C-alpha atoms as a PDB file:
ATOM      1  CA  MET A   1      67.544  37.292-182.818  1.00  0.00           C
ATOM      2  CA  ILE A   2      65.973  38.114-179.456  1.00  0.00           C
ATOM      3  CA  PRO A   3      64.124  41.473-179.055  1.00  0.00           C
ATOM      4  CA  ASP A   4      65.354  43.915-176.514  1.00  0.00           C
ATOM      5  CA  GLY A   5      64.087  43.285-173.000  1.00  0.00           C
ATOM      6  CA  CYS A   6      63.396  39.656-173.639  1.00  0.00           C
ATOM      7  CA  VAL A   7      65.093  36.265-172.596  1.00  0.00           C
ATOM      8  CA  HIS A   8      65.220  32.883-174.339  1.00  0.00           C
ATOM      9  CA  LEU A   9      64.471  30.104-171.860  1.00  0.00           C
ATOM     10  CA  GLN A  10      65.007  26.465-172.844  1.00  0.00           C
ATOM     11  CA  LEU A  11      62.900  24.713-170.083  1.00  0.00           C
ATOM     12  CA  ASN A  12      60.484  21.868-170.967  1.00  0.00           C
ATOM     13  CA  GLY A  13      56.901  22.718-170.395  1.00  0.00           C
ATOM     14  CA  LEU A  14      57.411  26.407-169.799  1.00  0.00           C
ATOM     15  CA  VAL A  15      54.709  27.516-172.253  1.00  0.00           C
ATOM     16  CA  ALA A  16      51.977  25.707-170.190  1.00  0.00           C
ATOM     17  CA  ILE A  17      53.216  27.181-166.877  1.00  0.00           C
ATOM     18  CA  ALA A  18      53.263  30.726-168.456  1.00  0.00           C
ATOM     19  CA  ARG A  19      49.666  30.246-169.619  1.00  0.00           C
ATOM     20  CA  LYS A  20      48.599  29.227-166.065  1.00  0.00           C
ATOM     21  CA  LEU A  21      50.274  32.338-164.604  1.00  0.00           C
ATOM     22  CA  GLY A  22      48.968  34.592-167.415  1.00  0.00           C
ATOM     23  CA  ILE A  23      52.379  35.556-168.676  1.00  0.00           C
ATOM     24  CA  ASP A  24      52.955  36.146-172.390  1.00  0.00           C
ATOM     25  CA  CYS A  25      55.200  33.470-173.721  1.00  0.00           C
ATOM     26  CA  VAL A  26      56.150  32.789-177.354  1.00  0.00           C
ATOM     27  CA  PRO A  27      57.720  29.526-178.620  1.00  0.00           C
ATOM     28  CA  ALA A  28      61.233  30.233-180.053  1.00  0.00           C
ATOM     29  CA  VAL A  29      61.984  29.283-183.630  1.00  0.00           C
ATOM     30  CA  VAL A  30      65.614  28.421-183.775  1.00  0.00           C
ATOM     31  CA  GLY A  31      65.954  26.996-187.192  1.00  0.00           C
ATOM     32  CA  TRP A  32      64.188  25.363-190.155  1.00  0.00           C
ATOM     33  CA  ASN A  33      63.972  21.692-191.165  1.00  0.00           C
ATOM     34  CA  HIS A  34      63.446  20.785-194.834  1.00  0.00           C
ATOM     35  CA  TYR A  35      61.803  17.451-195.559  1.00  0.00           C
ATOM     36  CA  ARG A  36      58.956  16.010-197.638  1.00  0.00           C
ATOM     37  CA  GLY A  37      58.943  18.958-199.882  1.00  0.00           C
ATOM     38  CA  GLY A  38      58.289  21.451-197.146  1.00  0.00           C
ATOM     39  CA  THR A  39      59.850  23.807-194.602  1.00  0.00           C
ATOM     40  CA  HIS A  40      59.108  23.073-190.945  1.00  0.00           C
ATOM     41  CA  PRO A  41      60.189  25.234-188.000  1.00  0.00           C
ATOM     42  CA  ILE A  42      62.412  23.928-185.281  1.00  0.00           C
ATOM     43  CA  LEU A  43      61.041  25.184-181.865  1.00  0.00           C
ATOM     44  CA  ASP A  44      63.378  25.226-178.867  1.00  0.00           C
ATOM     45  CA  GLY A  45      62.264  26.860-175.638  1.00  0.00           C
ATOM     46  CA  CYS A  46      60.351  30.159-175.481  1.00  0.00           C
ATOM     47  CA  VAL A  47      61.006  33.864-175.384  1.00  0.00           C
ATOM     48  CA  ILE A  48      59.618  35.864-172.432  1.00  0.00           C
ATOM     49  CA  LEU A  49      60.104  39.315-170.969  1.00  0.00           C
ATOM     50  CA  LYS A  50      63.123  39.710-168.591  1.00  0.00           C
ATOM     51  CA  GLU A  51      60.937  40.918-165.723  1.00  0.00           C
ATOM     52  CA  HIS A  52      59.021  37.635-165.696  1.00  0.00           C
ATOM     53  CA  GLU A  53      62.126  35.373-165.931  1.00  0.00           C
ATOM     54  CA  ASP A  54      62.532  34.783-162.179  1.00  0.00           C
ATOM     55  CA  GLU A  55      58.889  34.158-161.628  1.00  0.00           C
ATOM     56  CA  LEU A  56      58.735  31.657-164.401  1.00  0.00           C
ATOM     57  CA  ARG A  57      61.906  29.849-163.304  1.00  0.00           C
ATOM     58  CA  GLU A  58      60.609  29.463-159.740  1.00  0.00           C
ATOM     59  CA  ALA A  59      57.246  28.187-160.995  1.00  0.00           C
ATOM     60  CA  TRP A  60      59.049  25.792-163.324  1.00  0.00           C
ATOM     61  CA  SER A  61      61.203  24.446-160.580  1.00  0.00           C
ATOM     62  CA  LYS A  62      58.235  23.824-158.311  1.00  0.00           C
ATOM     63  CA  GLN A  63      56.454  22.029-161.167  1.00  0.00           C
ATOM     64  CA  TYR A  64      59.549  19.943-161.869  1.00  0.00           C
ATOM     65  CA  GLU A  65      59.831  18.989-158.191  1.00  0.00           C
ATOM     66  CA  LYS A  66      56.124  17.943-158.197  1.00  0.00           C
ATOM     67  CA  LYS A  67      56.708  15.823-161.257  1.00  0.00           C
ATOM     68  CA  GLU A  68      59.780  14.140-159.716  1.00  0.00           C
ATOM     69  CA  ILE A  69      57.875  13.371-156.483  1.00  0.00           C
ATOM     70  CA  ALA A  70      54.964  11.933-158.509  1.00  0.00           C
ATOM     71  CA  ALA A  71      57.340   9.900-160.669  1.00  0.00           C
ATOM     72  CA  LYS A  72      59.184   8.532-157.610  1.00  0.00           C
ATOM     73  CA  LEU A  73      55.850   7.616-155.932  1.00  0.00           C
ATOM     74  CA  LYS A  74      54.769   5.863-159.123  1.00  0.00           C
ATOM     75  CA  ARG A  75      57.934   3.834-159.231  1.00  0.00           C
ATOM     76  CA  THR A  76      57.722   2.825-155.588  1.00  0.00           C
ATOM     77  CA  GLN A  77      54.032   1.846-155.976  1.00  0.00           C
ATOM     78  CA  ARG A  78      54.870  -0.201-159.053  1.00  0.00           C
ATOM     79  CA  ALA A  79      57.761  -1.949-157.119  1.00  0.00           C
ATOM     80  CA  ILE A  80      55.417  -2.756-154.247  1.00  0.00           C
ATOM     81  CA  LYS A  81      52.768  -4.097-156.589  1.00  0.00           C
ATOM     82  CA  ASN A  82      55.408  -6.297-158.310  1.00  0.00           C
ATOM     83  CA  TRP A  83      56.669  -7.642-154.931  1.00  0.00           C
ATOM     84  CA  ARG A  84      53.110  -8.252-153.866  1.00  0.00           C
ATOM     85  CA  CYS A  85      52.445 -10.140-157.042  1.00  0.00           C
ATOM     86  CA  LEU A  86      55.622 -12.291-156.623  1.00  0.00           C
ATOM     87  CA  VAL A  87      54.723 -13.158-152.928  1.00  0.00           C
ATOM     88  CA  LYS A  88      51.168 -14.071-153.956  1.00  0.00           C
ATOM     89  CA  GLY A  89      52.504 -16.277-156.702  1.00  0.00           C
ATOM     90  CA  LEU A  90      54.891 -18.057-154.301  1.00  0.00           C
ATOM     91  CA  ILE A  91      52.050 -18.664-151.795  1.00  0.00           C
ATOM     92  CA  THR A  92      49.861 -20.024-154.544  1.00  0.00           C
ATOM     93  CA  LEU A  93      52.713 -22.246-155.783  1.00  0.00           C
ATOM     94  CA  LYS A  94      53.131 -23.576-152.312  1.00  0.00           C
ATOM     95  CA  LYS A  95      49.386 -24.232-151.982  1.00  0.00           C
ATOM     96  CA  VAL A  96      49.322 -26.064-155.329  1.00  0.00           C
ATOM     97  CA  ARG A  97      52.320 -28.143-154.366  1.00  0.00           C
ATOM     98  CA  ALA A  98      50.838 -29.018-151.035  1.00  0.00           C
ATOM     99  CA  ARG A  99      47.557 -30.094-152.582  1.00  0.00           C
ATOM    100  CA  PHE A 100      48.751 -32.013-155.627  1.00  0.00           C
ATOM    101  CA  ALA A 101      52.053 -33.337-154.512  1.00  0.00           C
ATOM    102  CA  SER A 102      50.628 -35.668-151.877  1.00  0.00           C
ATOM    103  CA  ARG A 103      52.232 -38.759-153.408  1.00  0.00           C
ATOM    104  CA  ASP A 104      55.420 -37.081-154.298  1.00  0.00           C
ATOM    105  CA  ARG A 105      56.789 -35.098-151.338  1.00  0.00           C
ATOM    106  CA  ARG A 106      59.945 -34.037-153.102  1.00  0.00           C
ATOM    107  CA  LEU A 107      58.462 -30.662-154.206  1.00  0.00           C
ATOM    108  CA  LEU A 108      57.382 -29.891-150.633  1.00  0.00           C
ATOM    109  CA  HIS A 109      60.877 -30.718-149.404  1.00  0.00           C
ATOM    110  CA  VAL A 110      62.243 -27.966-151.695  1.00  0.00           C
ATOM    111  CA  ASP A 111      59.754 -25.472-150.263  1.00  0.00           C
ATOM    112  CA  GLU A 112      60.692 -26.452-146.752  1.00  0.00           C
ATOM    113  CA  LYS A 113      64.350 -25.864-147.546  1.00  0.00           C
ATOM    114  CA  LEU A 114      63.546 -22.415-148.851  1.00  0.00           C
ATOM    115  CA  GLU A 115      61.432 -21.529-145.759  1.00  0.00           C
ATOM    116  CA  ASN A 116      64.111 -22.714-143.289  1.00  0.00           C
ATOM    117  CA  ASN A 117      66.813 -20.709-145.152  1.00  0.00           C
ATOM    118  CA  GLU A 118      69.154 -23.667-145.295  1.00  0.00           C
ATOM    119  CA  LYS A 119      72.286 -23.192-147.267  1.00  0.00           C
ATOM    120  CA  THR A 120      72.461 -25.002-150.636  1.00  0.00           C
ATOM    121  CA  ASP A 121      74.731 -27.821-151.308  1.00  0.00           C
ATOM    122  CA  LYS A 122      78.045 -27.179-152.918  1.00  0.00           C
ATOM    123  CA  ASN A 123      76.791 -29.088-155.946  1.00  0.00           C
ATOM    124  CA  ALA A 124      74.005 -26.721-157.034  1.00  0.00           C
ATOM    125  CA  THR A 125      72.908 -28.894-159.939  1.00  0.00           C
ATOM    126  CA  GLU A 126      71.828 -31.870-157.759  1.00  0.00           C
ATOM    127  CA  THR A 127      69.624 -31.314-154.750  1.00  0.00           C
ATOM    128  CA  THR A 128      68.507 -34.474-152.776  1.00  0.00           C
ATOM    129  CA  ASN A 129      65.713 -35.005-150.392  1.00  0.00           C
ATOM    130  CA  GLY A 130      65.910 -37.142-147.251  1.00  0.00           C
ATOM    131  CA  ALA A 131      65.629 -40.400-149.130  1.00  0.00           C
ATOM    132  CA  GLY A 132      68.553 -39.605-151.297  1.00  0.00           C
ATOM    133  CA  THR A 133      66.759 -39.234-154.583  1.00  0.00           C
ATOM    134  CA  LEU A 134      67.068 -36.285-156.887  1.00  0.00           C
ATOM    135  CA  THR A 135      64.448 -33.542-156.658  1.00  0.00           C
ATOM    136  CA  TRP A 136      62.512 -32.316-159.577  1.00  0.00           C
ATOM    137  CA  PRO A 137      63.281 -30.672-162.062  1.00  0.00           C
ATOM    138  CA  PRO A 138      66.624 -32.300-162.872  1.00  0.00           C
ATOM    139  CA  THR A 139      69.215 -29.869-163.930  1.00  0.00           C
ATOM    140  CA  ASP A 140      71.646 -31.618-166.175  1.00  0.00           C
ATOM    141  CA  TYR A 141      73.487 -29.059-168.229  1.00  0.00           C
ATOM    142  CA  SER A 142      75.589 -31.599-170.253  1.00  0.00           C
ATOM    143  CA  LEU A 143      75.221 -31.891-173.970  1.00  0.00           C
ATOM    144  CA  PRO A 144      74.540 -35.317-175.624  1.00  0.00           C
ATOM    145  CA  ASN A 145      77.460 -37.230-177.039  1.00  0.00           C
ATOM    146  CA  ILE A 146      77.072 -36.949-180.856  1.00  0.00           C
ATOM    147  CA  ASN A 147      79.759 -39.615-181.405  1.00  0.00           C
ATOM    148  CA  SER A 148      77.688 -42.343-179.891  1.00  0.00           C
ATOM    149  CA  LYS A 149      75.141 -42.252-182.760  1.00  0.00           C
ATOM    150  CA  LEU A 150      77.804 -43.213-185.396  1.00  0.00           C
END
């Protein structure tokens, strides 16, 4: 039951906003939960005076917009950080391959193909370098023949 001249609002975080604005706000008990030998109240929203309803809704919508903007900014910053980490890793991989693959130039050939944006061969499991040998790592997806061991 709601007292006369009051409104029940079910908006998240409304109690904190009402405290900031100095408006009386009471959490609304909508039921009781019985577990572990005790009775616990179920709180859902809050009860305020009707005259403060519009003011609190506007303040809540502004707060909600600020939270959305902050969350979107956080997601974009995380995406940029992830891309930066990926690019740094690829640059490091290229440097390591350039330094330690001096005898075996097959790995460098793969990097050059990626940089030049050449289209891959129709047979995606076997990529060859200029000498006609297979590049590393070999990608053979066939299962061993179990009948040959008998």
